[in-house]
Amino acid sequence: MTKPLSRWLVLTRPVVAGFHLAGDTIGQLVDRWHSQDTRIATYRDAAVDDAAAHDLMIRAVDVGVVPVSTLPKVITEWRQPEQEAFRPRNTWSLFNAFTEALKGNLPLLPRRTQALHGLMDAHVGLVGRN
């Protein structure tokens, strides 16, 4: 009778540890979702005029968000967004102009998106808060 109990204990310890790790991971995801909500709200609240948008586009080339050859797509999406939600002239709309232009190159997308967040976070004053 002790043998089945010892097997149960051996099997449950990794499962319990797994649940603990999963709980920690879920907690981290929830924290990131909340900080992402804050980021998006801040982007939406930060107005951007054409001069600031153009400056950010050049700086995006400098930090590796986009190559120079992609700038015409970003400019077009900024000036004439395909989606109504991105017509307001704010950081969120500019961010989405970049993400629209970045579509299609999956291997480079994570690095470029991270660089884009860094650029936009610095622009709206979020650097060092997260």
N, C-alpha and C. Protein backbone atom coordinates (compact mmCIF):
# COMPACT_ATOMS: atom_id res chain seq x y z
N MET A 1 0.81 -1.19 0.00
CA MET A 1 0.00 0.00 0.00
C MET A 1 0.86 1.27 0.00
N THR A 2 2.01 1.21 0.61
CA THR A 2 2.88 2.39 0.59
C THR A 2 3.48 2.62 -0.79
N LYS A 3 3.61 1.54 -1.56
CA LYS A 3 4.18 1.70 -2.88
C LYS A 3 3.31 2.60 -3.77
N PRO A 4 2.01 2.37 -3.90
CA PRO A 4 1.21 3.28 -4.72
C PRO A 4 1.24 4.72 -4.19
N LEU A 5 1.26 4.88 -2.86
CA LEU A 5 1.32 6.22 -2.30
C LEU A 5 2.63 6.92 -2.67
N SER A 6 3.74 6.19 -2.60
CA SER A 6 5.02 6.79 -2.97
C SER A 6 5.04 7.14 -4.46
N ARG A 7 4.42 6.30 -5.29
CA ARG A 7 4.34 6.64 -6.72
C ARG A 7 3.50 7.90 -6.92
N TRP A 8 2.44 8.01 -6.17
CA TRP A 8 1.59 9.18 -6.29
C TRP A 8 2.35 10.43 -5.88
N LEU A 9 3.12 10.35 -4.81
CA LEU A 9 3.89 11.50 -4.34
C LEU A 9 4.96 11.90 -5.35
N VAL A 10 5.61 10.91 -5.91
CA VAL A 10 6.65 11.19 -6.90
C VAL A 10 6.04 11.86 -8.12
N LEU A 11 4.88 11.39 -8.54
CA LEU A 11 4.25 11.95 -9.72
C LEU A 11 3.65 13.33 -9.46
N THR A 12 3.15 13.57 -8.25
CA THR A 12 2.48 14.84 -8.02
C THR A 12 3.45 15.99 -7.78
N ARG A 13 4.61 15.72 -7.29
CA ARG A 13 5.54 16.82 -7.03
C ARG A 13 5.88 17.60 -8.30
N PRO A 14 6.24 16.92 -9.40
CA PRO A 14 6.49 17.68 -10.61
C PRO A 14 5.24 18.40 -11.12
N VAL A 15 4.08 17.76 -10.95
CA VAL A 15 2.84 18.39 -11.40
C VAL A 15 2.57 19.64 -10.57
N VAL A 16 2.71 19.53 -9.25
CA VAL A 16 2.51 20.69 -8.38
C VAL A 16 3.51 21.78 -8.73
N ALA A 17 4.76 21.42 -8.93
CA ALA A 17 5.78 22.40 -9.31
C ALA A 17 5.40 23.03 -10.65
N GLY A 18 4.88 22.22 -11.56
CA GLY A 18 4.44 22.72 -12.86
C GLY A 18 3.32 23.74 -12.72
N PHE A 19 2.38 23.46 -11.82
CA PHE A 19 1.29 24.41 -11.59
C PHE A 19 1.83 25.70 -10.98
N HIS A 20 2.80 25.58 -10.12
CA HIS A 20 3.40 26.78 -9.51
C HIS A 20 4.07 27.62 -10.60
N LEU A 21 4.83 26.95 -11.47
CA LEU A 21 5.48 27.67 -12.57
C LEU A 21 4.46 28.28 -13.51
N ALA A 22 3.40 27.53 -13.79
CA ALA A 22 2.35 28.05 -14.69
C ALA A 22 1.69 29.27 -14.05
N GLY A 23 1.45 29.20 -12.74
CA GLY A 23 0.86 30.34 -12.05
C GLY A 23 1.73 31.57 -12.12
N ASP A 24 3.04 31.39 -11.93
CA ASP A 24 3.98 32.51 -12.05
C ASP A 24 3.96 33.09 -13.46
N THR A 25 3.94 32.21 -14.45
CA THR A 25 3.94 32.63 -15.85
C THR A 25 2.66 33.40 -16.16
N ILE A 26 1.53 32.90 -15.70
CA ILE A 26 0.26 33.59 -15.94
C ILE A 26 0.27 34.95 -15.26
N GLY A 27 0.82 35.02 -14.06
CA GLY A 27 0.93 36.31 -13.37
C GLY A 27 1.76 37.30 -14.15
N GLN A 28 2.86 36.83 -14.72
CA GLN A 28 3.71 37.71 -15.53
C GLN A 28 2.98 38.17 -16.78
N LEU A 29 2.21 37.26 -17.40
CA LEU A 29 1.44 37.64 -18.58
C LEU A 29 0.40 38.70 -18.25
N VAL A 30 -0.29 38.53 -17.13
CA VAL A 30 -1.29 39.52 -16.71
C VAL A 30 -0.63 40.87 -16.49
N ASP A 31 0.54 40.88 -15.83
CA ASP A 31 1.28 42.13 -15.63
C ASP A 31 1.63 42.78 -16.96
N ARG A 32 2.07 41.97 -17.91
CA ARG A 32 2.44 42.52 -19.22
C ARG A 32 1.22 43.05 -19.96
N TRP A 33 0.08 42.35 -19.83
CA TRP A 33 -1.15 42.86 -20.46
C TRP A 33 -1.52 44.21 -19.89
N HIS A 34 -1.39 44.36 -18.57
CA HIS A 34 -1.72 45.64 -17.95
C HIS A 34 -0.76 46.73 -18.41
N SER A 35 0.53 46.41 -18.49
CA SER A 35 1.47 47.43 -18.95
C SER A 35 1.27 47.72 -20.44
N GLN A 36 0.82 46.73 -21.20
CA GLN A 36 0.51 46.96 -22.61
C GLN A 36 -0.72 47.87 -22.74
N ASP A 37 -1.72 47.67 -21.88
CA ASP A 37 -2.89 48.56 -21.88
C ASP A 37 -2.47 50.00 -21.58
N THR A 38 -1.59 50.16 -20.59
CA THR A 38 -1.09 51.49 -20.25
C THR A 38 -0.33 52.09 -21.42
N ARG A 39 0.50 51.30 -22.06
CA ARG A 39 1.29 51.75 -23.21
C ARG A 39 0.36 52.25 -24.32
N ILE A 40 -0.64 51.45 -24.66
CA ILE A 40 -1.55 51.83 -25.76
C ILE A 40 -2.32 53.09 -25.40
N ALA A 41 -2.80 53.19 -24.16
CA ALA A 41 -3.53 54.40 -23.73
C ALA A 41 -2.62 55.63 -23.82
N THR A 42 -1.37 55.47 -23.43
CA THR A 42 -0.42 56.58 -23.49
C THR A 42 -0.14 56.96 -24.94
N TYR A 43 0.02 55.98 -25.80
CA TYR A 43 0.23 56.25 -27.23
C TYR A 43 -0.98 57.02 -27.80
N ARG A 44 -2.18 56.60 -27.43
CA ARG A 44 -3.39 57.26 -27.94
C ARG A 44 -3.50 58.70 -27.45
N ASP A 45 -3.02 58.96 -26.25
CA ASP A 45 -3.13 60.30 -25.66
C ASP A 45 -2.04 61.26 -26.16
N ALA A 46 -1.00 60.75 -26.79
CA ALA A 46 0.13 61.58 -27.21
C ALA A 46 -0.03 62.01 -28.67
N ALA A 47 -0.40 63.27 -28.85
CA ALA A 47 -0.59 63.82 -30.19
C ALA A 47 0.75 63.86 -30.94
N VAL A 48 0.67 63.66 -32.24
CA VAL A 48 1.86 63.72 -33.11
C VAL A 48 1.50 64.51 -34.35
N ASP A 49 2.25 65.58 -34.62
CA ASP A 49 2.04 66.31 -35.86
C ASP A 49 2.95 65.72 -36.94
N ASP A 50 2.79 66.20 -38.16
CA ASP A 50 3.58 65.64 -39.26
C ASP A 50 5.08 65.79 -39.05
N ALA A 51 5.51 66.92 -38.52
CA ALA A 51 6.95 67.14 -38.32
C ALA A 51 7.52 66.13 -37.32
N ALA A 52 6.80 65.89 -36.22
CA ALA A 52 7.25 64.90 -35.23
C ALA A 52 7.21 63.49 -35.82
N ALA A 53 6.16 63.21 -36.60
CA ALA A 53 6.05 61.89 -37.23
C ALA A 53 7.22 61.65 -38.17
N HIS A 54 7.55 62.66 -38.96
CA HIS A 54 8.67 62.52 -39.91
C HIS A 54 9.99 62.31 -39.16
N ASP A 55 10.18 63.03 -38.06
CA ASP A 55 11.39 62.85 -37.25
C ASP A 55 11.45 61.42 -36.69
N LEU A 56 10.32 60.93 -36.19
CA LEU A 56 10.30 59.56 -35.65
C LEU A 56 10.56 58.53 -36.74
N MET A 57 10.11 58.80 -37.94
CA MET A 57 10.36 57.87 -39.05
C MET A 57 11.85 57.77 -39.34
N ILE A 58 12.54 58.91 -39.34
CA ILE A 58 13.98 58.90 -39.58
C ILE A 58 14.70 58.20 -38.43
N ARG A 59 14.29 58.49 -37.21
CA ARG A 59 14.91 57.82 -36.06
C ARG A 59 14.62 56.32 -36.08
N ALA A 60 13.47 55.93 -36.63
CA ALA A 60 13.15 54.50 -36.75
C ALA A 60 14.14 53.80 -37.67
N VAL A 61 14.57 54.49 -38.71
CA VAL A 61 15.60 53.93 -39.59
C VAL A 61 16.91 53.80 -38.81
N ASP A 62 17.23 54.83 -38.04
CA ASP A 62 18.48 54.84 -37.26
C ASP A 62 18.56 53.69 -36.26
N VAL A 63 17.43 53.32 -35.64
CA VAL A 63 17.45 52.28 -34.60
C VAL A 63 17.05 50.90 -35.13
N GLY A 64 16.85 50.78 -36.43
CA GLY A 64 16.61 49.47 -37.03
C GLY A 64 15.17 48.99 -37.03
N VAL A 65 14.22 49.91 -36.85
CA VAL A 65 12.82 49.50 -36.93
C VAL A 65 12.47 49.14 -38.37
N VAL A 66 12.87 49.99 -39.29
CA VAL A 66 12.59 49.77 -40.71
C VAL A 66 13.81 50.15 -41.54
N PRO A 67 13.97 49.51 -42.68
CA PRO A 67 14.99 50.00 -43.62
C PRO A 67 14.43 51.21 -44.37
N VAL A 68 15.32 52.00 -44.94
CA VAL A 68 14.91 53.18 -45.70
C VAL A 68 13.89 52.81 -46.78
N SER A 69 14.06 51.65 -47.38
CA SER A 69 13.17 51.24 -48.47
C SER A 69 11.72 51.02 -48.02
N THR A 70 11.49 50.90 -46.72
CA THR A 70 10.13 50.69 -46.20
C THR A 70 9.46 52.01 -45.83
N LEU A 71 10.23 53.09 -45.72
CA LEU A 71 9.65 54.37 -45.32
C LEU A 71 8.47 54.83 -46.20
N PRO A 72 8.51 54.65 -47.52
CA PRO A 72 7.33 55.06 -48.30
C PRO A 72 6.03 54.38 -47.84
N LYS A 73 6.11 53.12 -47.43
CA LYS A 73 4.91 52.43 -46.93
C LYS A 73 4.44 53.05 -45.62
N VAL A 74 5.39 53.38 -44.74
CA VAL A 74 5.04 53.99 -43.46
C VAL A 74 4.40 55.36 -43.71
N ILE A 75 4.99 56.15 -44.59
CA ILE A 75 4.48 57.48 -44.90
C ILE A 75 3.07 57.40 -45.48
N THR A 76 2.87 56.49 -46.40
CA THR A 76 1.54 56.33 -47.00
C THR A 76 0.51 55.93 -45.95
N GLU A 77 0.87 55.00 -45.09
CA GLU A 77 -0.07 54.54 -44.06
C GLU A 77 -0.32 55.65 -43.03
N TRP A 78 0.67 56.48 -42.77
CA TRP A 78 0.50 57.61 -41.85
C TRP A 78 -0.43 58.66 -42.48
N ARG A 79 -0.21 58.96 -43.74
CA ARG A 79 -1.01 60.01 -44.39
C ARG A 79 -2.42 59.56 -44.73
N GLN A 80 -2.55 58.29 -45.10
CA GLN A 80 -3.86 57.76 -45.50
C GLN A 80 -4.06 56.38 -44.89
N PRO A 81 -4.34 56.32 -43.59
CA PRO A 81 -4.50 55.01 -42.94
C PRO A 81 -5.66 54.22 -43.55
N GLU A 82 -5.43 52.94 -43.71
CA GLU A 82 -6.48 52.07 -44.25
C GLU A 82 -7.65 51.92 -43.29
N GLN A 83 -7.36 52.02 -41.99
CA GLN A 83 -8.41 51.84 -40.98
C GLN A 83 -8.78 53.17 -40.35
N GLU A 84 -10.06 53.39 -40.20
CA GLU A 84 -10.59 54.62 -39.60
C GLU A 84 -10.02 54.87 -38.20
N ALA A 85 -9.83 53.79 -37.44
CA ALA A 85 -9.34 53.91 -36.06
C ALA A 85 -7.97 54.58 -35.99
N PHE A 86 -7.22 54.57 -37.09
CA PHE A 86 -5.87 55.12 -37.07
C PHE A 86 -5.78 56.49 -37.75
N ARG A 87 -6.91 57.13 -37.97
CA ARG A 87 -6.90 58.47 -38.56
C ARG A 87 -6.50 59.56 -37.57
N PRO A 88 -6.79 59.44 -36.26
CA PRO A 88 -6.32 60.48 -35.34
C PRO A 88 -4.80 60.61 -35.40
N ARG A 89 -4.32 61.81 -35.28
CA ARG A 89 -2.88 62.05 -35.36
C ARG A 89 -2.26 61.92 -33.97
N ASN A 90 -1.96 60.67 -33.62
CA ASN A 90 -1.34 60.39 -32.32
C ASN A 90 -0.30 59.30 -32.48
N THR A 91 0.39 59.01 -31.39
CA THR A 91 1.47 58.02 -31.43
C THR A 91 0.94 56.64 -31.77
N TRP A 92 -0.26 56.31 -31.31
CA TRP A 92 -0.87 55.01 -31.62
C TRP A 92 -1.06 54.86 -33.13
N SER A 93 -1.53 55.90 -33.80
CA SER A 93 -1.71 55.84 -35.25
C SER A 93 -0.38 55.69 -35.98
N LEU A 94 0.63 56.41 -35.51
CA LEU A 94 1.95 56.28 -36.13
C LEU A 94 2.52 54.90 -35.89
N PHE A 95 2.37 54.39 -34.67
CA PHE A 95 2.81 53.03 -34.36
C PHE A 95 2.17 52.04 -35.33
N ASN A 96 0.89 52.19 -35.56
CA ASN A 96 0.19 51.28 -36.47
C ASN A 96 0.58 51.48 -37.93
N ALA A 97 0.98 52.68 -38.31
CA ALA A 97 1.51 52.88 -39.66
C ALA A 97 2.78 52.05 -39.84
N PHE A 98 3.62 52.03 -38.80
CA PHE A 98 4.83 51.21 -38.85
C PHE A 98 4.48 49.72 -38.90
N THR A 99 3.58 49.28 -38.03
CA THR A 99 3.28 47.84 -38.00
C THR A 99 2.64 47.38 -39.30
N GLU A 100 1.87 48.23 -39.93
CA GLU A 100 1.28 47.89 -41.22
C GLU A 100 2.39 47.70 -42.26
N ALA A 101 3.37 48.59 -42.23
CA ALA A 101 4.49 48.52 -43.18
C ALA A 101 5.42 47.35 -42.89
N LEU A 102 5.46 46.90 -41.64
CA LEU A 102 6.36 45.79 -41.26
C LEU A 102 5.80 44.41 -41.59
N LYS A 103 4.55 44.33 -41.94
CA LYS A 103 3.95 43.03 -42.21
C LYS A 103 4.69 42.31 -43.34
N GLY A 104 4.85 41.00 -43.15
CA GLY A 104 5.42 40.19 -44.22
C GLY A 104 6.81 39.64 -43.97
N ASN A 105 7.55 40.18 -43.03
CA ASN A 105 8.90 39.69 -42.78
C ASN A 105 8.96 39.11 -41.37
N LEU A 106 8.39 37.93 -41.20
CA LEU A 106 8.25 37.31 -39.88
C LEU A 106 9.56 37.11 -39.12
N PRO A 107 10.65 36.70 -39.76
CA PRO A 107 11.88 36.50 -38.99
C PRO A 107 12.40 37.78 -38.31
N LEU A 108 12.20 38.92 -38.95
CA LEU A 108 12.70 40.18 -38.39
C LEU A 108 11.67 40.91 -37.52
N LEU A 109 10.42 40.48 -37.56
CA LEU A 109 9.35 41.19 -36.89
C LEU A 109 9.54 41.36 -35.39
N PRO A 110 9.92 40.34 -34.63
CA PRO A 110 10.07 40.54 -33.18
C PRO A 110 11.11 41.61 -32.82
N ARG A 111 12.27 41.56 -33.46
CA ARG A 111 13.32 42.54 -33.18
C ARG A 111 12.88 43.94 -33.58
N ARG A 112 12.26 44.06 -34.73
CA ARG A 112 11.82 45.37 -35.21
C ARG A 112 10.69 45.94 -34.34
N THR A 113 9.78 45.07 -33.93
CA THR A 113 8.68 45.52 -33.06
C THR A 113 9.22 45.97 -31.71
N GLN A 114 10.19 45.26 -31.18
CA GLN A 114 10.80 45.65 -29.92
C GLN A 114 11.48 47.02 -30.07
N ALA A 115 12.19 47.22 -31.16
CA ALA A 115 12.84 48.51 -31.41
C ALA A 115 11.79 49.61 -31.57
N LEU A 116 10.69 49.30 -32.23
CA LEU A 116 9.61 50.27 -32.42
C LEU A 116 9.01 50.67 -31.08
N HIS A 117 8.77 49.69 -30.21
CA HIS A 117 8.25 50.00 -28.87
C HIS A 117 9.24 50.90 -28.12
N GLY A 118 10.52 50.60 -28.21
CA GLY A 118 11.52 51.42 -27.53
C GLY A 118 11.49 52.85 -28.02
N LEU A 119 11.40 53.03 -29.33
CA LEU A 119 11.36 54.36 -29.92
C LEU A 119 10.10 55.12 -29.48
N MET A 120 8.96 54.47 -29.58
CA MET A 120 7.70 55.12 -29.21
C MET A 120 7.59 55.35 -27.71
N ASP A 121 8.07 54.39 -26.92
CA ASP A 121 8.05 54.57 -25.46
C ASP A 121 8.89 55.79 -25.07
N ALA A 122 10.05 55.96 -25.70
CA ALA A 122 10.89 57.12 -25.41
C ALA A 122 10.18 58.40 -25.82
N HIS A 123 9.50 58.36 -26.95
CA HIS A 123 8.79 59.55 -27.43
C HIS A 123 7.70 60.01 -26.47
N VAL A 124 6.97 59.06 -25.88
CA VAL A 124 5.86 59.42 -24.99
C VAL A 124 6.25 59.46 -23.51
N GLY A 125 7.52 59.17 -23.21
CA GLY A 125 8.00 59.25 -21.84
C GLY A 125 7.76 58.02 -21.00
N LEU A 126 7.60 56.86 -21.62
CA LEU A 126 7.39 55.61 -20.89
C LEU A 126 8.69 54.88 -20.55
N VAL A 127 9.81 55.31 -21.08
CA VAL A 127 11.08 54.61 -20.84
C VAL A 127 11.40 54.62 -19.36
N GLY A 128 11.73 53.43 -18.84
CA GLY A 128 12.10 53.30 -17.44
C GLY A 128 10.93 53.10 -16.49
N ARG A 129 9.70 53.15 -17.01
CA ARG A 129 8.52 52.96 -16.16
C ARG A 129 8.13 51.51 -16.04
N ASN A 130 8.39 50.69 -17.07
CA ASN A 130 7.91 49.30 -17.08
C ASN A 130 8.87 48.39 -16.36
